[in-house]
Amino acid sequence: MKKALICGISGQDGAYLAEFLLQKGYQIYGTSRDAQMSSFRNLSHLGIRDQIQLESMSLNDFRSVLQVIKKSEPDEIYNLAGQTSVGLSFDQPVETLESIATGTLNLLEAIRFTDRPIKLYNAGSSECFGDSGDQAADELTPFRPQSPYGVAKAAAFWEVANYRQAYNIFACSGILFNHESPLRPVRFVTQKIVNAACQIKQGTLKELHLGNMAIKRDWGWAPEFVEAMYLMLRQPEPDDYVIATGVSYSLEELVSVAFAYFDLDWRDYVISDPSFFRPTDLAINKGNPQKALEQLQWQAKYHMPDVIKHMIEARLACQ
């Protein structure tokens, strides 16, 4: 039985990945900063919490990282931890850099210290690219991050590449574009819109305030994206991959899809509020997942309209 250590298992991707690996017959260890106090609500929602060995670990603390790796003796480590909000990174840039860049470095160093053939998946981000315009970003597109979050993810990406080359560690980064699901917290704009559309239909909310409606994003379905993480660690040689749908939609189009589900005209309820604008924001992002298709045989089946429909239906089912 293979063993996997999922750092950041309480988040959206961590929970779906744990569910996927359990179906593959893995023994799963999962970490959060304080496992005794964390609710692990997403794991409970998926009905898998009792099947996972939960450990406390701070990625900023090398000793803590090393202890958990020695205890769990994993074959694979999935680094999904760290501050996950682009918007929050402008308010907490130091925490963002430390939790992502320092945390990734601690994992790499711990793997090097243990001298075991551990494979590492690192969660990269499309935010590393910055604004690539109409060009679909691929693995050779230069990084020009425009947020503290993007800067931290870019640093972690190059740490992984450096350790792979210098120490022959099997380490991969998945450069994931936006991917959503019912497990997203409300602070993420997709869940905020879905919740608001449901509440407006029910008459418990009158209007929704959003930021720049013109931005375009490549939105995918999170349960599909975690399969790509697994596939990266199945390859003969470690490498980095863009994981995306290859199709971008504007925030206005996403809002329109959500409100149209309830036969509502979004323009009657949605206000573009300048106070929600970020200091810098990407006008458009779109990924080119051709390499993932050719080498991993991975391709997104769901695009933004499908994702929003699934999120709305999941929310309605819980009421």
Protein backbone atom coordinates (compact mmCIF):
# COMPACT_ATOMS: atom_id res chain seq x y z
CA MET A 1 0.00 0.00 0.00
CA LYS A 2 1.45 3.35 -1.06
CA LYS A 3 1.48 6.21 1.45
CA ALA A 4 0.79 9.84 0.59
CA LEU A 5 1.29 12.90 2.78
CA ILE A 6 -1.05 15.74 1.82
CA CYS A 7 0.01 19.09 3.25
CA GLY A 8 -3.01 21.36 3.45
CA ILE A 9 -5.55 18.54 3.37
CA SER A 10 -8.31 20.69 4.87
CA GLY A 11 -8.58 22.84 1.73
CA GLN A 12 -10.58 22.22 -1.43
CA ASP A 13 -7.80 20.50 -3.39
CA GLY A 14 -6.52 18.55 -0.39
CA ALA A 15 -9.92 17.05 0.30
CA TYR A 16 -10.61 16.04 -3.30
CA LEU A 17 -7.10 14.65 -3.69
CA ALA A 18 -7.49 12.59 -0.51
CA GLU A 19 -10.77 11.17 -1.83
CA PHE A 20 -9.13 10.34 -5.18
CA LEU A 21 -6.07 8.66 -3.63
CA LEU A 22 -8.20 6.63 -1.21
CA GLN A 23 -10.00 5.21 -4.23
CA LYS A 24 -6.57 4.25 -5.58
CA GLY A 25 -5.84 2.29 -2.41
CA TYR A 26 -3.45 4.75 -0.75
CA GLN A 27 -2.87 5.18 2.95
CA ILE A 28 -3.31 8.91 3.56
CA TYR A 29 -1.67 11.23 6.06
CA GLY A 30 -2.94 14.78 6.11
CA THR A 31 -1.67 17.88 7.84
CA SER A 32 -2.89 21.21 9.10
CA ARG A 33 -1.30 23.66 11.51
CA ASP A 34 -3.33 22.31 14.43
CA ALA A 35 -4.98 18.98 13.65
CA GLN A 36 -6.68 18.84 17.05
CA MET A 37 -8.46 22.15 16.55
CA SER A 38 -9.15 22.04 12.78
CA SER A 39 -12.69 21.12 11.79
CA PHE A 40 -11.64 19.34 8.55
CA ARG A 41 -15.11 20.21 7.33
CA ASN A 42 -14.31 19.36 3.70
CA LEU A 43 -13.13 15.86 4.63
CA SER A 44 -16.31 15.35 6.66
CA HIS A 45 -18.40 16.66 3.75
CA LEU A 46 -16.85 14.02 1.49
CA GLY A 47 -17.30 11.33 4.17
CA ILE A 48 -13.61 10.42 4.37
CA ARG A 49 -12.31 12.05 7.57
CA ASP A 50 -12.17 8.76 9.50
CA GLN A 51 -10.03 7.17 6.78
CA ILE A 52 -7.14 9.64 7.15
CA GLN A 53 -4.35 9.93 9.72
CA LEU A 54 -4.31 13.61 10.65
CA GLU A 55 -1.15 15.33 11.92
CA SER A 56 -0.24 18.83 13.08
CA MET A 57 2.48 20.45 11.01
CA SER A 58 3.68 23.98 10.35
CA LEU A 59 5.42 24.28 6.99
CA ASN A 60 7.30 27.32 8.30
CA ASP A 61 8.94 25.14 10.99
CA PHE A 62 11.58 22.80 9.52
CA ARG A 63 11.66 20.59 12.60
CA SER A 64 7.89 20.12 12.42
CA VAL A 65 8.10 19.18 8.73
CA LEU A 66 10.92 16.70 9.30
CA GLN A 67 9.12 15.03 12.24
CA VAL A 68 5.93 14.41 10.25
CA ILE A 69 7.83 13.07 7.23
CA LYS A 70 9.81 10.67 9.45
CA LYS A 71 6.63 9.53 11.20
CA SER A 72 4.54 8.99 8.06
CA GLU A 73 7.35 7.72 5.76
CA PRO A 74 5.42 8.73 2.64
CA ASP A 75 6.09 7.59 -0.91
CA GLU A 76 4.56 10.82 -2.19
CA ILE A 77 4.11 14.30 -0.76
CA TYR A 78 1.53 16.73 -2.14
CA ASN A 79 2.24 20.33 -1.14
CA LEU A 80 -1.13 22.11 -1.23
CA ALA A 81 -0.62 24.20 1.90
CA GLY A 82 -0.02 27.92 2.38
CA GLN A 83 -2.05 31.09 2.04
CA THR A 84 -4.42 30.57 -0.89
CA SER A 85 -6.07 33.95 -1.55
CA VAL A 86 -4.66 36.40 -4.11
CA GLY A 87 -6.66 39.26 -2.62
CA LEU A 88 -5.56 38.50 0.95
CA SER A 89 -1.92 38.39 -0.15
CA PHE A 90 -1.96 42.17 -0.61
CA ASP A 91 -2.93 42.52 3.07
CA GLN A 92 -0.63 39.74 4.31
CA PRO A 93 2.37 39.66 1.96
CA VAL A 94 4.88 38.38 4.54
CA GLU A 95 2.64 35.53 5.69
CA THR A 96 1.96 34.67 2.05
CA LEU A 97 5.65 34.51 1.13
CA GLU A 98 6.62 32.53 4.22
CA SER A 99 3.80 29.99 4.05
CA ILE A 100 4.36 29.31 0.34
CA ALA A 101 8.04 29.90 -0.48
CA THR A 102 9.60 29.03 2.89
CA GLY A 103 7.17 26.15 3.36
CA THR A 104 8.08 24.62 0.00
CA LEU A 105 11.79 25.03 0.73
CA ASN A 106 11.37 23.24 4.07
CA LEU A 107 9.70 20.29 2.34
CA LEU A 108 12.46 20.05 -0.25
CA GLU A 109 15.17 20.24 2.42
CA ALA A 110 13.43 17.61 4.53
CA ILE A 111 13.22 15.26 1.55
CA ARG A 112 16.93 15.83 0.91
CA PHE A 113 17.78 15.20 4.59
CA THR A 114 15.83 11.93 4.80
CA ASP A 115 17.51 10.66 1.63
CA ARG A 116 14.50 8.56 0.67
CA PRO A 117 12.97 8.29 -2.84
CA ILE A 118 10.01 10.53 -2.00
CA LYS A 119 8.16 12.10 -4.92
CA LEU A 120 6.94 15.68 -4.42
CA TYR A 121 4.05 17.46 -6.10
CA ASN A 122 4.09 21.22 -5.60
CA ALA A 123 1.02 23.37 -6.21
CA GLY A 124 2.04 26.13 -8.59
CA SER A 125 -0.30 28.82 -9.89
CA SER A 126 -1.26 30.66 -13.04
CA GLU A 127 -0.73 33.84 -10.99
CA CYS A 128 3.00 33.32 -11.68
CA PHE A 129 2.44 34.39 -15.30
CA GLY A 130 0.80 37.70 -14.53
CA ASP A 131 -1.11 39.14 -17.47
CA SER A 132 -0.29 37.12 -20.59
CA GLY A 133 -2.86 38.96 -22.69
CA ASP A 134 -4.60 36.95 -25.39
CA GLN A 135 -1.74 34.43 -25.45
CA ALA A 136 -2.51 31.12 -23.76
CA ALA A 137 0.30 30.57 -21.24
CA ASP A 138 2.28 27.34 -21.43
CA GLU A 139 5.30 25.92 -19.60
CA LEU A 140 7.71 28.22 -21.47
CA THR A 141 5.80 31.48 -20.90
CA PRO A 142 7.87 33.90 -18.75
CA PHE A 143 6.73 34.61 -15.19
CA ARG A 144 5.64 38.21 -14.49
CA PRO A 145 3.60 37.94 -11.27
CA GLN A 146 1.45 40.90 -10.27
CA SER A 147 0.55 39.98 -6.68
CA PRO A 148 2.41 38.89 -3.53
CA TYR A 149 0.71 35.52 -3.98
CA GLY A 150 2.06 35.19 -7.52
CA VAL A 151 5.54 36.22 -6.40
CA ALA A 152 5.51 33.57 -3.65
CA LYS A 153 4.30 30.85 -6.02
CA ALA A 154 6.96 31.80 -8.57
CA ALA A 155 9.66 31.52 -5.90
CA ALA A 156 8.37 28.08 -4.85
CA PHE A 157 8.32 26.96 -8.50
CA TRP A 158 12.00 27.81 -8.96
CA GLU A 159 12.92 26.17 -5.66
CA VAL A 160 11.38 22.94 -6.94
CA ALA A 161 13.20 23.24 -10.27
CA ASN A 162 16.50 23.93 -8.50
CA TYR A 163 16.26 20.95 -6.13
CA ARG A 164 15.20 18.69 -8.98
CA GLN A 165 18.33 19.62 -10.91
CA ALA A 166 20.83 19.95 -8.05
CA TYR A 167 19.82 16.95 -5.91
CA ASN A 168 17.98 14.68 -8.38
CA ILE A 169 14.76 14.86 -6.36
CA PHE A 170 11.58 13.74 -8.13
CA ALA A 171 9.74 17.03 -7.75
CA CYS A 172 7.04 18.50 -10.02
CA SER A 173 5.05 21.72 -10.08
CA GLY A 174 1.56 21.84 -11.47
CA ILE A 175 0.88 25.35 -12.79
CA LEU A 176 -2.84 25.27 -12.11
CA PHE A 177 -5.26 27.83 -13.46
CA ASN A 178 -8.43 28.71 -11.54
CA HIS A 179 -10.37 25.64 -10.44
CA GLU A 180 -13.57 25.72 -8.42
CA SER A 181 -16.03 23.45 -6.60
CA PRO A 182 -18.69 23.45 -3.87
CA LEU A 183 -15.85 23.20 -1.33
CA ARG A 184 -14.61 26.71 -2.13
CA PRO A 185 -14.91 29.15 0.82
CA VAL A 186 -17.19 32.16 0.34
CA ARG A 187 -14.21 34.55 0.09
CA PHE A 188 -13.56 33.17 -3.41
CA VAL A 189 -15.54 35.06 -6.02
CA THR A 190 -17.16 32.00 -7.63
CA GLN A 191 -18.70 30.85 -4.36
CA LYS A 192 -19.65 34.41 -3.47
CA ILE A 193 -21.57 34.74 -6.73
CA VAL A 194 -23.24 31.33 -6.42
CA ASN A 195 -24.37 32.07 -2.86
CA ALA A 196 -25.65 35.52 -3.79
CA ALA A 197 -27.64 34.23 -6.78
CA CYS A 198 -29.29 31.60 -4.57
CA GLN A 199 -30.09 34.15 -1.85
CA ILE A 200 -31.46 36.72 -4.29
CA LYS A 201 -33.73 34.06 -5.82
CA GLN A 202 -34.96 33.21 -2.31
CA GLY A 203 -35.53 36.88 -1.48
CA THR A 204 -33.00 36.99 1.40
CA LEU A 205 -30.52 39.25 -0.45
CA LYS A 206 -31.14 42.29 -2.64
CA GLU A 207 -27.85 42.99 -4.37
CA LEU A 208 -24.32 41.75 -4.94
CA HIS A 209 -21.19 43.92 -4.93
CA LEU A 210 -18.25 42.75 -7.06
CA GLY A 211 -14.99 44.23 -8.33
CA ASN A 212 -13.83 44.44 -11.94
CA MET A 213 -16.39 42.62 -14.10
CA ALA A 214 -14.21 42.69 -17.20
CA ILE A 215 -11.47 40.37 -15.94
CA LYS A 216 -11.23 37.03 -17.74
CA ARG A 217 -10.19 33.74 -16.15
CA ASP A 218 -9.68 30.12 -17.19
CA TRP A 219 -12.03 28.41 -14.71
CA GLY A 220 -12.00 24.62 -14.29
CA TRP A 221 -13.44 21.89 -12.06
CA ALA A 222 -11.31 21.08 -9.00
CA PRO A 223 -11.98 17.29 -8.80
CA GLU A 224 -10.56 16.98 -12.33
CA PHE A 225 -7.48 19.03 -11.52
CA VAL A 226 -6.40 16.81 -8.62
CA GLU A 227 -6.23 13.84 -11.01
CA ALA A 228 -3.53 15.73 -12.93
CA MET A 229 -1.47 16.02 -9.72
CA TYR A 230 -1.53 12.24 -9.35
CA LEU A 231 -0.63 11.70 -13.01
CA MET A 232 2.44 13.95 -12.76
CA LEU A 233 3.96 11.62 -10.17
CA ARG A 234 3.34 8.62 -12.45
CA GLN A 235 5.70 9.90 -15.15
CA PRO A 236 9.14 8.36 -15.78
CA GLU A 237 10.84 11.74 -15.21
CA PRO A 238 9.75 14.73 -13.11
CA ASP A 239 8.54 17.80 -14.99
CA ASP A 240 6.22 20.80 -14.71
CA TYR A 241 2.81 21.08 -16.35
CA VAL A 242 0.19 23.74 -17.04
CA ILE A 243 -3.23 22.45 -15.95
CA ALA A 244 -6.12 24.43 -17.41
CA THR A 245 -9.22 24.18 -19.56
CA GLY A 246 -7.77 26.36 -22.32
CA VAL A 247 -10.91 28.56 -22.38
CA SER A 248 -11.37 31.92 -20.63
CA TYR A 249 -14.58 33.67 -19.61
CA SER A 250 -15.15 37.15 -18.20
CA LEU A 251 -16.45 37.60 -14.68
CA GLU A 252 -19.51 39.19 -16.27
CA GLU A 253 -20.15 35.98 -18.23
CA LEU A 254 -19.79 33.90 -15.06
CA VAL A 255 -22.28 36.11 -13.22
CA SER A 256 -24.67 35.89 -16.16
CA VAL A 257 -24.53 32.07 -16.11
CA ALA A 258 -25.18 31.94 -12.36
CA PHE A 259 -28.18 34.29 -12.43
CA ALA A 260 -29.59 32.77 -15.63
CA TYR A 261 -29.88 29.44 -13.78
CA PHE A 262 -32.68 31.11 -11.78
CA ASP A 263 -34.07 33.04 -14.79
CA LEU A 264 -32.72 36.30 -13.34
CA ASP A 265 -31.09 39.21 -15.17
CA TRP A 266 -27.85 39.83 -13.28
CA ARG A 267 -27.86 43.52 -14.28
CA ASP A 268 -30.80 44.10 -11.94
CA TYR A 269 -28.82 42.97 -8.90
CA VAL A 270 -25.05 43.26 -9.40
CA ILE A 271 -23.00 46.39 -8.69
CA SER A 272 -19.38 46.83 -9.79
CA ASP A 273 -17.85 48.36 -6.66
CA PRO A 274 -14.44 50.14 -6.96
CA SER A 275 -13.69 49.29 -3.31
CA PHE A 276 -13.36 45.64 -4.38
CA PHE A 277 -10.72 46.40 -7.02
CA ARG A 278 -7.21 45.08 -6.21
CA PRO A 279 -4.04 47.24 -6.32
CA THR A 280 -3.07 45.23 -9.42
CA ASP A 281 -5.20 42.63 -11.13
CA LEU A 282 -4.83 40.47 -14.20
CA ALA A 283 -7.00 41.52 -17.15
CA ILE A 284 -7.01 38.00 -18.58
CA ASN A 285 -5.51 34.59 -17.99
CA LYS A 286 -5.76 31.50 -20.14
CA GLY A 287 -3.73 28.31 -20.07
CA ASN A 288 -2.46 26.05 -22.82
CA PRO A 289 -2.75 22.47 -21.44
CA GLN A 290 -1.36 20.79 -24.59
CA LYS A 291 1.63 19.27 -22.79
CA ALA A 292 -0.65 17.74 -20.13
CA LEU A 293 -2.78 16.23 -22.89
CA GLU A 294 0.20 14.78 -24.73
CA GLN A 295 2.22 13.49 -21.77
CA LEU A 296 -0.35 12.89 -19.01
CA GLN A 297 -3.34 12.13 -21.26
CA TRP A 298 -5.21 14.66 -19.13
CA GLN A 299 -7.86 16.99 -20.53
CA ALA A 300 -10.53 19.06 -18.80
CA LYS A 301 -14.06 17.82 -19.38
CA TYR A 302 -15.80 20.69 -17.60
CA HIS A 303 -15.69 24.41 -18.36
CA MET A 304 -17.00 27.44 -16.48
CA PRO A 305 -20.74 27.03 -17.29
CA ASP A 306 -20.62 23.38 -16.12
CA VAL A 307 -18.69 24.33 -12.97
CA ILE A 308 -21.16 27.04 -11.93
CA LYS A 309 -24.12 24.73 -12.58
CA HIS A 310 -22.56 22.02 -10.38
CA MET A 311 -21.83 24.55 -7.61
CA ILE A 312 -25.38 25.91 -7.63
CA GLU A 313 -26.92 22.45 -7.58
CA ALA A 314 -24.66 21.37 -4.73
CA ARG A 315 -25.66 24.42 -2.69
CA LEU A 316 -29.38 23.88 -3.35
CA ALA A 317 -29.03 20.23 -2.33
CA CYS A 318 -27.67 21.27 1.08
CA GLN A 319 -30.58 23.58 1.90
